[in-house]
Amino acid sequence: VRVVYRVDQDRYVNNDMVVNQDLYSKQKLDLIRLPDYCKSAIIFVGLEGLDSDFPPSKLPSVFFAFFWMTMWNIIPVFVILNSIEACDFCTNLVGPVFFGMIALELLVGYWVAKRDRDISLKSTLYGAKRVVRRNVDTGAADDATPKYVSYSDFFDEGKHSCFSVISSIFLDFITVVAWISFVIYLFIFGGGYMIMYSLVVARWRYKILQRYESESTQVVGSIVCRQGHANSAVIVQYNVDAQVYKKRLIVPSHMVKVGCFHRHEYETVPDDPDLLYITHDPASATLKCQIDNPQHESKTFRKHLCGGLCVTIMQVGFTTLYGGMIIQNNVFMSSGDPYGTELFILLAGILLACHITFGFIGACIHYEFFFKRELLWGAKRVFPRATENDEVLLDEEQELGIAVSLEPSWDELNITQTTTDESVSTETFVDDL
């Protein structure tokens, strides 16, 4: 749509602003811009679920990138294999050619990505055009759009060394491999994991949550933003001893039966929720409603236990029948000593033991390195910053006029929002697409 807005007495227009279906029919839009860049207005709705201390996960993009890169480079490898004559020397070149193509693609992609983010930054900072100037005394120099805007210079970003780029790619690769391994683990031992987590680990979770009833301190926080489907997660900000913390919390939910199915019903979290944190450990804040209503979590675990039993029966039953038939036909039939029901019972017992063992190991890993770590140490101290690097980041934010304060307001953030009578107003012309 074409959007027109005012800054002071000057009018600006953006001819290519993208809106969703809900905003398409509106004649007034809320915009937000950087204080020193009048042409940088963007739609405020797109920033409601974003927070700089808890950025969105890049895992889906990383998965897609590695899948695309692998499949795209496998195709020419198969073409080479089908076109060359069978010889040991040519076959040995397949591996180096494959990895060499990936390395070349990463090298070219790195420089293209740097150039692309510079272009995106320029289009954001200077996306609008000034069409009406009320103050005729001002010169036209401030209307000039620079030919090139460097992302690194704008954010005062340090130069990336070759080692840092390679290490980042390697860490992303390890992350993808870990998630693929986890999916394979769930495919094989998912039922045992659900059973052991619902039976054993649930008791450990309950003991930790009991500490909030006897060793906790209550504090009132504020919702920074809501995230996830149906606002299933919130980012809260709270003060402890003149220090400001932020933490991403999952909203407690319980299962509600709708017809033949069940769906999650999330608790209603106000804009100033009550929080509890373990004394002398301010990073352990959690929602008070989660501690006050433990029965919802117990019901959820009981449903997971029933689901785990069903999944285990299907996994063990299918593997027992299919694996038992293969073993009986290929091993014992050839030796003339066939086994009957005893083989299937023995195989089912072995599979059940593996499900219990590996399910318990996986549940313990999830509890120790994910649930416990996130619950007790998942908060970030945003004021004062915890490290020198964070202090440098705070200075950068202050230069942009978006520094975090103890009680931030719209005036302190130096953000101009659209209202009927304020300095920036917008009009959308739906016919100019």
Protein backbone atom coordinates (compact mmCIF):
# COMPACT_ATOMS: atom_id res chain seq x y z
CA VAL A 1 0.00 0.00 0.00
CA ARG A 2 0.94 3.66 -0.32
CA VAL A 3 1.40 5.29 3.10
CA VAL A 4 1.63 9.01 3.81
CA TYR A 5 2.84 10.32 7.17
CA ARG A 6 4.07 13.55 8.73
CA VAL A 7 7.17 14.33 10.79
CA ASP A 8 6.90 17.79 12.33
CA GLN A 9 5.70 19.91 9.39
CA ASP A 10 7.08 17.72 6.61
CA ARG A 11 5.11 15.06 4.78
CA TYR A 12 6.62 11.76 3.59
CA VAL A 13 5.28 8.97 1.43
CA ASN A 14 6.24 5.31 1.17
CA ASN A 15 4.92 3.70 -1.99
CA ASP A 16 5.90 0.09 -1.25
CA MET A 17 4.90 -0.65 2.36
CA VAL A 18 3.80 -4.26 2.82
CA VAL A 19 0.86 -4.96 5.17
CA ASN A 20 -1.00 -8.09 6.14
CA GLN A 21 -4.65 -8.83 5.47
CA ASP A 22 -5.82 -7.42 8.81
CA LEU A 23 -4.23 -4.02 8.16
CA TYR A 24 -5.14 -3.87 4.49
CA SER A 25 -8.54 -2.25 5.00
CA LYS A 26 -7.48 0.24 7.68
CA GLN A 27 -7.08 3.92 6.89
CA LYS A 28 -4.83 4.65 9.90
CA LEU A 29 -1.69 2.71 10.76
CA ASP A 30 0.69 2.87 13.71
CA LEU A 31 4.23 3.59 12.52
CA ILE A 32 7.57 3.67 14.27
CA ARG A 33 10.82 5.26 13.09
CA LEU A 34 14.37 5.96 14.20
CA PRO A 35 14.69 9.46 15.69
CA ASP A 36 17.32 10.79 13.26
CA TYR A 37 15.93 9.12 10.14
CA CYS A 38 12.60 10.62 9.08
CA LYS A 39 12.29 8.28 6.10
CA SER A 40 12.66 5.09 8.17
CA ALA A 41 9.03 4.67 9.28
CA ILE A 42 7.81 1.06 9.37
CA ILE A 43 4.63 -0.57 10.67
CA PHE A 44 4.67 -0.92 14.45
CA VAL A 45 2.57 -4.10 14.47
CA GLY A 46 5.47 -6.10 13.04
CA LEU A 47 7.60 -5.31 16.12
CA GLU A 48 5.12 -6.29 18.83
CA GLY A 49 6.45 -9.82 19.26
CA LEU A 50 10.14 -8.96 18.94
CA ASP A 51 12.70 -8.34 21.65
CA SER A 52 16.41 -7.69 21.13
CA ASP A 53 17.44 -9.77 24.17
CA PHE A 54 15.42 -12.79 22.99
CA PRO A 55 15.65 -12.78 19.19
CA PRO A 56 13.62 -15.23 17.07
CA SER A 57 15.08 -18.66 16.52
CA LYS A 58 17.09 -19.07 13.32
CA LEU A 59 16.79 -22.88 13.44
CA PRO A 60 14.17 -23.21 10.63
CA SER A 61 16.30 -21.07 8.32
CA VAL A 62 19.43 -23.05 9.17
CA PHE A 63 17.63 -26.35 8.49
CA PHE A 64 16.36 -25.13 5.13
CA ALA A 65 19.77 -23.68 4.19
CA PHE A 66 21.69 -26.90 4.89
CA PHE A 67 19.04 -29.04 3.19
CA TRP A 68 19.01 -26.81 0.10
CA MET A 69 22.80 -26.61 -0.04
CA THR A 70 23.22 -30.38 0.30
CA MET A 71 20.57 -31.32 -2.27
CA TRP A 72 21.72 -28.65 -4.74
CA ASN A 73 25.31 -29.92 -4.69
CA ILE A 74 24.40 -33.61 -4.78
CA ILE A 75 22.73 -33.18 -8.18
CA PRO A 76 25.94 -32.29 -10.13
CA VAL A 77 27.80 -35.04 -8.26
CA PHE A 78 25.35 -37.64 -9.61
CA VAL A 79 25.68 -36.11 -13.06
CA ILE A 80 29.46 -36.48 -12.86
CA LEU A 81 29.19 -40.08 -11.68
CA ASN A 82 26.88 -41.01 -14.55
CA SER A 83 28.99 -39.26 -17.18
CA ILE A 84 32.47 -40.51 -16.33
CA GLU A 85 33.80 -43.93 -17.00
CA ALA A 86 34.21 -46.28 -14.06
CA CYS A 87 37.73 -45.71 -12.78
CA ASP A 88 39.17 -45.47 -9.30
CA PHE A 89 40.76 -42.06 -9.89
CA CYS A 90 37.51 -40.41 -11.05
CA THR A 91 35.55 -42.00 -8.22
CA ASN A 92 38.00 -40.62 -5.66
CA LEU A 93 37.39 -37.11 -6.99
CA VAL A 94 33.69 -37.16 -6.09
CA GLY A 95 34.25 -36.27 -2.41
CA PRO A 96 36.67 -33.36 -2.99
CA VAL A 97 34.44 -31.99 -5.78
CA PHE A 98 31.35 -32.13 -3.53
CA PHE A 99 32.95 -30.38 -0.57
CA GLY A 100 34.76 -27.93 -2.84
CA MET A 101 31.44 -26.87 -4.36
CA ILE A 102 29.97 -26.37 -0.87
CA ALA A 103 32.98 -24.29 0.20
CA LEU A 104 32.72 -22.15 -2.95
CA GLU A 105 28.98 -21.68 -2.39
CA LEU A 106 29.54 -20.59 1.22
CA LEU A 107 32.27 -18.15 0.18
CA VAL A 108 30.13 -16.53 -2.51
CA GLY A 109 27.05 -16.59 -0.28
CA TYR A 110 28.89 -14.80 2.52
CA TRP A 111 29.75 -11.79 0.36
CA VAL A 112 26.32 -11.75 -1.30
CA ALA A 113 24.65 -11.83 2.15
CA LYS A 114 26.77 -8.90 3.35
CA ARG A 115 25.81 -6.90 0.29
CA ASP A 116 22.16 -7.85 0.64
CA ARG A 117 21.91 -6.71 4.26
CA ASP A 118 23.49 -3.35 3.31
CA ILE A 119 20.83 -2.91 0.63
CA SER A 120 18.08 -3.91 3.09
CA LEU A 121 19.36 -1.42 5.67
CA LYS A 122 19.43 1.34 3.08
CA SER A 123 15.87 0.59 1.95
CA THR A 124 14.72 0.70 5.59
CA LEU A 125 16.47 3.94 6.54
CA TYR A 126 15.53 5.75 3.33
CA GLY A 127 12.40 3.90 2.26
CA ALA A 128 10.15 6.96 2.12
CA LYS A 129 10.31 10.13 0.07
CA ARG A 130 9.67 13.67 1.26
CA VAL A 131 6.94 15.20 -0.86
CA VAL A 132 5.93 18.31 1.10
CA ARG A 133 8.34 20.60 2.95
CA ARG A 134 6.80 23.21 5.22
CA ASN A 135 10.03 24.91 6.24
CA VAL A 136 11.43 26.43 3.05
CA ASP A 137 14.60 27.58 4.82
CA THR A 138 15.95 24.04 5.13
CA GLY A 139 18.28 22.90 2.42
CA ALA A 140 17.86 19.88 0.23
CA ALA A 141 21.01 18.14 1.46
CA ASP A 142 19.15 16.08 4.04
CA ASP A 143 16.89 14.65 1.31
CA ALA A 144 19.80 13.12 -0.56
CA THR A 145 19.94 9.32 -0.31
CA PRO A 146 23.47 7.95 0.00
CA LYS A 147 24.58 5.55 -2.68
CA TYR A 148 25.86 3.04 -0.15
CA VAL A 149 25.07 2.31 3.51
CA SER A 150 27.32 -0.07 5.41
CA TYR A 151 25.60 -2.32 7.94
CA SER A 152 28.87 -2.80 9.84
CA ASP A 153 29.51 0.95 10.14
CA PHE A 154 25.91 1.78 11.09
CA PHE A 155 25.89 -0.70 13.99
CA ASP A 156 29.62 -0.31 14.70
CA GLU A 157 30.07 -4.01 14.11
CA GLY A 158 33.54 -5.50 14.27
CA LYS A 159 35.05 -7.23 11.29
CA HIS A 160 34.46 -10.95 10.95
CA SER A 161 37.58 -13.06 10.73
CA CYS A 162 37.77 -16.18 8.61
CA PHE A 163 37.89 -18.28 11.78
CA SER A 164 34.73 -16.69 13.25
CA VAL A 165 32.77 -17.30 10.04
CA ILE A 166 33.91 -20.93 9.80
CA SER A 167 33.22 -21.54 13.50
CA SER A 168 29.73 -20.07 13.13
CA ILE A 169 28.99 -22.35 10.16
CA PHE A 170 30.37 -25.32 12.07
CA LEU A 171 28.20 -24.58 15.12
CA ASP A 172 25.14 -24.29 12.90
CA PHE A 173 26.04 -27.63 11.32
CA ILE A 174 26.40 -29.25 14.77
CA THR A 175 22.98 -27.81 15.72
CA VAL A 176 21.36 -29.31 12.63
CA VAL A 177 22.99 -32.70 13.25
CA ALA A 178 21.86 -32.62 16.90
CA TRP A 179 18.25 -31.90 15.97
CA ILE A 180 18.24 -34.58 13.29
CA SER A 181 19.64 -37.03 15.85
CA PHE A 182 16.90 -35.99 18.28
CA VAL A 183 14.19 -36.61 15.67
CA ILE A 184 15.66 -40.06 14.96
CA TYR A 185 15.79 -40.72 18.71
CA LEU A 186 12.10 -39.84 19.07
CA PHE A 187 11.24 -42.01 16.08
CA ILE A 188 12.91 -45.00 17.74
CA PHE A 189 12.46 -44.39 21.48
CA GLY A 190 9.81 -41.65 21.59
CA GLY A 191 7.33 -43.73 23.55
CA GLY A 192 9.86 -44.65 26.24
CA TYR A 193 10.92 -41.01 26.52
CA MET A 194 7.33 -39.86 27.09
CA ILE A 195 6.71 -42.57 29.71
CA MET A 196 9.89 -41.96 31.70
CA TYR A 197 9.48 -38.18 31.55
CA SER A 198 5.92 -38.44 32.84
CA LEU A 199 6.76 -40.93 35.60
CA VAL A 200 10.23 -40.02 36.89
CA VAL A 201 11.24 -36.58 35.69
CA ALA A 202 7.84 -35.11 36.54
CA ARG A 203 8.56 -35.78 40.21
CA TRP A 204 11.89 -33.90 39.97
CA ARG A 205 10.11 -30.98 38.31
CA TYR A 206 7.53 -30.94 41.09
CA LYS A 207 10.23 -30.84 43.79
CA ILE A 208 11.88 -27.83 42.15
CA LEU A 209 8.56 -26.03 41.83
CA GLN A 210 7.91 -26.72 45.53
CA ARG A 211 10.92 -24.59 46.39
CA TYR A 212 9.05 -21.56 45.08
CA GLU A 213 6.47 -22.04 47.85
CA SER A 214 8.99 -21.91 50.70
CA GLU A 215 12.13 -20.13 49.42
CA SER A 216 10.74 -17.57 47.00
CA THR A 217 10.20 -13.82 46.87
CA GLN A 218 7.29 -12.25 45.02
CA VAL A 219 7.76 -9.37 42.62
CA VAL A 220 5.53 -7.63 40.11
CA GLY A 221 6.83 -7.68 36.54
CA SER A 222 5.73 -6.16 33.27
CA ILE A 223 5.06 -7.81 29.92
CA VAL A 224 7.53 -6.63 27.28
CA CYS A 225 5.95 -8.61 24.46
CA ARG A 226 3.92 -11.74 23.79
CA GLN A 227 5.16 -14.42 21.43
CA GLY A 228 4.14 -17.73 19.96
CA HIS A 229 0.87 -19.11 18.70
CA ALA A 230 -2.06 -17.87 20.81
CA ASN A 231 0.45 -15.90 22.94
CA SER A 232 1.84 -19.11 24.41
CA ALA A 233 5.00 -17.33 25.64
CA VAL A 234 5.69 -13.96 27.22
CA ILE A 235 8.83 -11.94 27.81
CA VAL A 236 8.67 -10.30 31.21
CA GLN A 237 10.81 -7.58 32.76
CA TYR A 238 11.24 -7.25 36.52
CA ASN A 239 13.44 -5.44 39.04
CA VAL A 240 15.48 -7.07 41.79
CA ASP A 241 17.71 -4.87 43.97
CA ALA A 242 18.00 -2.03 41.42
CA GLN A 243 18.80 -4.51 38.68
CA VAL A 244 16.54 -5.18 35.69
CA TYR A 245 16.06 -8.70 34.35
CA LYS A 246 14.27 -10.10 31.33
CA LYS A 247 13.06 -13.65 30.93
CA ARG A 248 11.06 -15.62 28.41
CA LEU A 249 8.37 -17.68 30.15
CA ILE A 250 6.00 -20.30 28.79
CA VAL A 251 2.40 -19.56 29.72
CA PRO A 252 0.87 -22.44 31.74
CA SER A 253 -1.83 -24.35 29.91
CA HIS A 254 -4.22 -27.24 30.38
CA MET A 255 -5.96 -29.55 27.96
CA VAL A 256 -9.60 -28.83 27.11
CA LYS A 257 -11.77 -31.33 25.28
CA VAL A 258 -13.46 -29.90 22.20
CA GLY A 259 -15.65 -32.53 20.60
CA CYS A 260 -13.49 -35.58 19.98
CA PHE A 261 -10.21 -33.69 20.26
CA HIS A 262 -8.21 -31.87 22.93
CA ARG A 263 -6.57 -28.48 22.64
CA HIS A 264 -4.37 -26.32 24.85
CA GLU A 265 -6.12 -23.61 26.87
CA TYR A 266 -3.58 -21.02 28.06
CA GLU A 267 -3.85 -19.08 31.29
CA THR A 268 -4.68 -15.40 31.06
CA VAL A 269 -1.53 -13.44 31.94
CA PRO A 270 -2.07 -9.72 32.69
CA ASP A 271 0.29 -6.96 31.58
CA ASP A 272 1.73 -6.76 35.13
CA PRO A 273 1.92 -10.41 36.24
CA ASP A 274 2.99 -11.61 39.67
CA LEU A 275 6.33 -13.41 39.57
CA LEU A 276 8.15 -15.64 42.04
CA TYR A 277 11.90 -16.14 42.16
CA ILE A 278 14.03 -18.19 44.51
CA THR A 279 15.71 -15.95 47.05
CA HIS A 280 19.36 -15.15 46.24
CA ASP A 281 18.77 -16.39 42.68
CA PRO A 282 16.99 -13.56 40.81
CA ALA A 283 17.35 -15.26 37.42
CA SER A 284 14.90 -18.00 38.49
CA ALA A 285 11.69 -15.98 38.11
CA THR A 286 8.55 -17.78 36.98
CA LEU A 287 4.85 -16.98 36.79
CA LYS A 288 3.02 -17.23 40.08
CA CYS A 289 0.00 -18.80 38.39
CA GLN A 290 2.18 -21.78 37.43
CA ILE A 291 3.06 -22.40 41.09
CA ASP A 292 -0.52 -21.84 42.31
CA ASN A 293 -2.05 -24.33 39.87
CA PRO A 294 0.12 -27.49 39.84
CA GLN A 295 -2.89 -29.67 39.02
CA HIS A 296 -2.85 -28.49 35.41
CA GLU A 297 0.70 -29.76 34.94
CA SER A 298 -0.18 -33.05 36.62
CA LYS A 299 -3.08 -33.60 34.22
CA THR A 300 -0.81 -32.83 31.29
CA PHE A 301 1.74 -35.40 32.44
CA ARG A 302 -0.97 -38.03 32.86
CA LYS A 303 -2.11 -37.43 29.30
CA HIS A 304 1.49 -37.65 28.09
CA LEU A 305 1.83 -40.96 29.96
CA CYS A 306 -1.19 -42.39 28.13
CA GLY A 307 0.17 -41.10 24.84
CA GLY A 308 3.59 -42.58 25.61
CA LEU A 309 2.06 -45.99 26.29
CA CYS A 310 0.24 -45.92 22.95
CA VAL A 311 3.36 -44.85 21.06
CA THR A 312 5.47 -47.51 22.81
CA ILE A 313 2.98 -50.25 21.95
CA MET A 314 3.01 -49.22 18.29
CA GLN A 315 6.80 -48.89 18.09
CA VAL A 316 7.55 -52.12 19.94
CA GLY A 317 4.78 -54.05 18.20
CA PHE A 318 5.79 -53.01 14.69
CA THR A 319 9.52 -53.59 15.32
CA THR A 320 8.84 -56.96 16.97
CA LEU A 321 6.68 -58.28 14.15
CA TYR A 322 8.79 -56.96 11.31
CA GLY A 323 12.17 -57.68 12.93
CA GLY A 324 11.08 -61.09 14.20
CA MET A 325 9.98 -62.17 10.75
CA ILE A 326 13.28 -61.07 9.21
CA ILE A 327 15.36 -62.83 11.87
CA GLN A 328 13.26 -66.00 11.68
CA ASN A 329 13.37 -66.23 7.88
CA ASN A 330 17.01 -65.29 7.34
CA VAL A 331 18.76 -66.76 10.37
CA PHE A 332 16.90 -69.61 12.00
CA MET A 333 15.20 -71.05 8.94
CA SER A 334 18.54 -71.41 7.15
CA SER A 335 20.01 -73.25 10.14
CA GLY A 336 17.03 -75.61 10.37
CA ASP A 337 16.24 -74.60 13.94
CA PRO A 338 13.22 -72.27 13.72
CA TYR A 339 11.91 -70.39 16.74
CA GLY A 340 8.25 -69.70 17.29
CA THR A 341 6.59 -67.46 19.81
CA GLU A 342 9.69 -67.42 22.04
CA LEU A 343 11.58 -65.33 19.49
CA PHE A 344 8.93 -62.60 19.39
CA ILE A 345 8.61 -62.52 23.18
CA LEU A 346 12.38 -62.26 23.60
CA LEU A 347 12.63 -59.51 20.97
CA ALA A 348 9.74 -57.58 22.54
CA GLY A 349 11.39 -57.79 25.97
CA ILE A 350 14.68 -56.50 24.61
CA LEU A 351 12.93 -53.60 22.86
CA LEU A 352 10.97 -52.68 26.00
CA ALA A 353 14.18 -52.67 28.04
CA CYS A 354 15.82 -50.40 25.44
CA HIS A 355 12.82 -48.07 25.47
CA ILE A 356 12.94 -47.75 29.25
CA THR A 357 16.72 -47.28 29.38
CA PHE A 358 17.16 -44.83 26.51
CA GLY A 359 13.89 -43.08 27.35
CA PHE A 360 15.16 -42.45 30.88
CA ILE A 361 18.50 -41.17 29.55
CA GLY A 362 16.81 -38.80 27.12
CA ALA A 363 14.38 -37.54 29.77
CA CYS A 364 17.26 -36.86 32.20
CA ILE A 365 19.17 -34.92 29.53
CA HIS A 366 16.11 -32.81 28.75
CA TYR A 367 15.46 -32.12 32.43
CA GLU A 368 19.05 -31.26 33.37
CA PHE A 369 20.17 -29.25 30.34
CA PHE A 370 16.91 -27.65 29.19
CA PHE A 371 14.13 -27.46 31.79
CA LYS A 372 16.29 -26.91 34.89
CA ARG A 373 18.73 -24.59 33.14
CA GLU A 374 15.94 -22.49 31.64
CA LEU A 375 13.94 -22.31 34.87
CA LEU A 376 16.74 -21.45 37.29
CA TRP A 377 19.18 -19.52 35.10
CA GLY A 378 17.17 -18.46 32.04
CA ALA A 379 16.87 -14.72 32.80
CA LYS A 380 19.14 -12.05 31.32
CA ARG A 381 20.27 -9.01 33.24
CA VAL A 382 19.66 -6.02 30.99
CA PHE A 383 20.47 -3.19 33.42
CA PRO A 384 23.23 -2.90 34.35
CA ARG A 385 24.69 -5.13 31.69
CA ALA A 386 26.52 -8.21 32.88
CA THR A 387 29.67 -7.85 30.72
CA GLU A 388 31.73 -5.16 29.07
CA ASN A 389 30.48 -6.24 25.66
CA ASP A 390 26.93 -5.72 26.82
CA GLU A 391 27.89 -2.24 28.06
CA VAL A 392 29.14 -1.41 24.58
CA LEU A 393 25.83 -2.64 23.21
CA LEU A 394 23.99 -0.41 25.68
CA ASP A 395 25.95 2.62 24.43
CA GLU A 396 24.95 1.75 20.87
CA GLU A 397 21.31 1.56 21.87
CA GLN A 398 21.53 4.94 23.58
CA GLU A 399 22.91 6.47 20.40
CA LEU A 400 19.89 5.13 18.51
CA GLY A 401 17.51 6.42 21.16
CA ILE A 402 16.22 2.98 22.19
CA ALA A 403 18.19 2.28 25.36
CA VAL A 404 16.45 0.23 28.02
CA SER A 405 15.57 2.14 31.19
CA LEU A 406 14.10 1.07 34.48
CA GLU A 407 10.66 2.38 33.53
CA PRO A 408 10.68 2.95 29.77
CA SER A 409 8.05 5.14 28.20
CA TRP A 410 7.32 6.29 24.66
CA ASP A 411 8.90 9.69 25.32
CA GLU A 412 12.10 8.15 26.69
CA LEU A 413 12.36 5.79 23.73
CA ASN A 414 12.05 8.79 21.38
CA ILE A 415 9.61 6.86 19.25
CA THR A 416 6.87 8.57 17.28
CA GLN A 417 3.61 6.64 17.10
CA THR A 418 0.55 7.37 15.09
CA THR A 419 -2.49 8.90 16.73
CA THR A 420 -5.13 11.25 15.46
CA ASP A 421 -3.55 14.52 16.64
CA GLU A 422 0.13 13.68 17.10
CA SER A 423 3.08 14.57 14.92
CA VAL A 424 2.94 11.52 12.65
CA SER A 425 -0.25 10.53 10.88
CA THR A 426 -0.69 7.90 8.22
CA GLU A 427 -3.10 7.39 5.39
CA THR A 428 -3.25 4.24 3.31
CA PHE A 429 -4.41 4.31 -0.24
CA VAL A 430 -5.42 0.75 -1.02
CA ASP A 431 -5.93 1.45 -4.70
CA ASP A 432 -2.24 2.36 -5.19
CA LEU A 433 -0.69 -1.10 -5.11
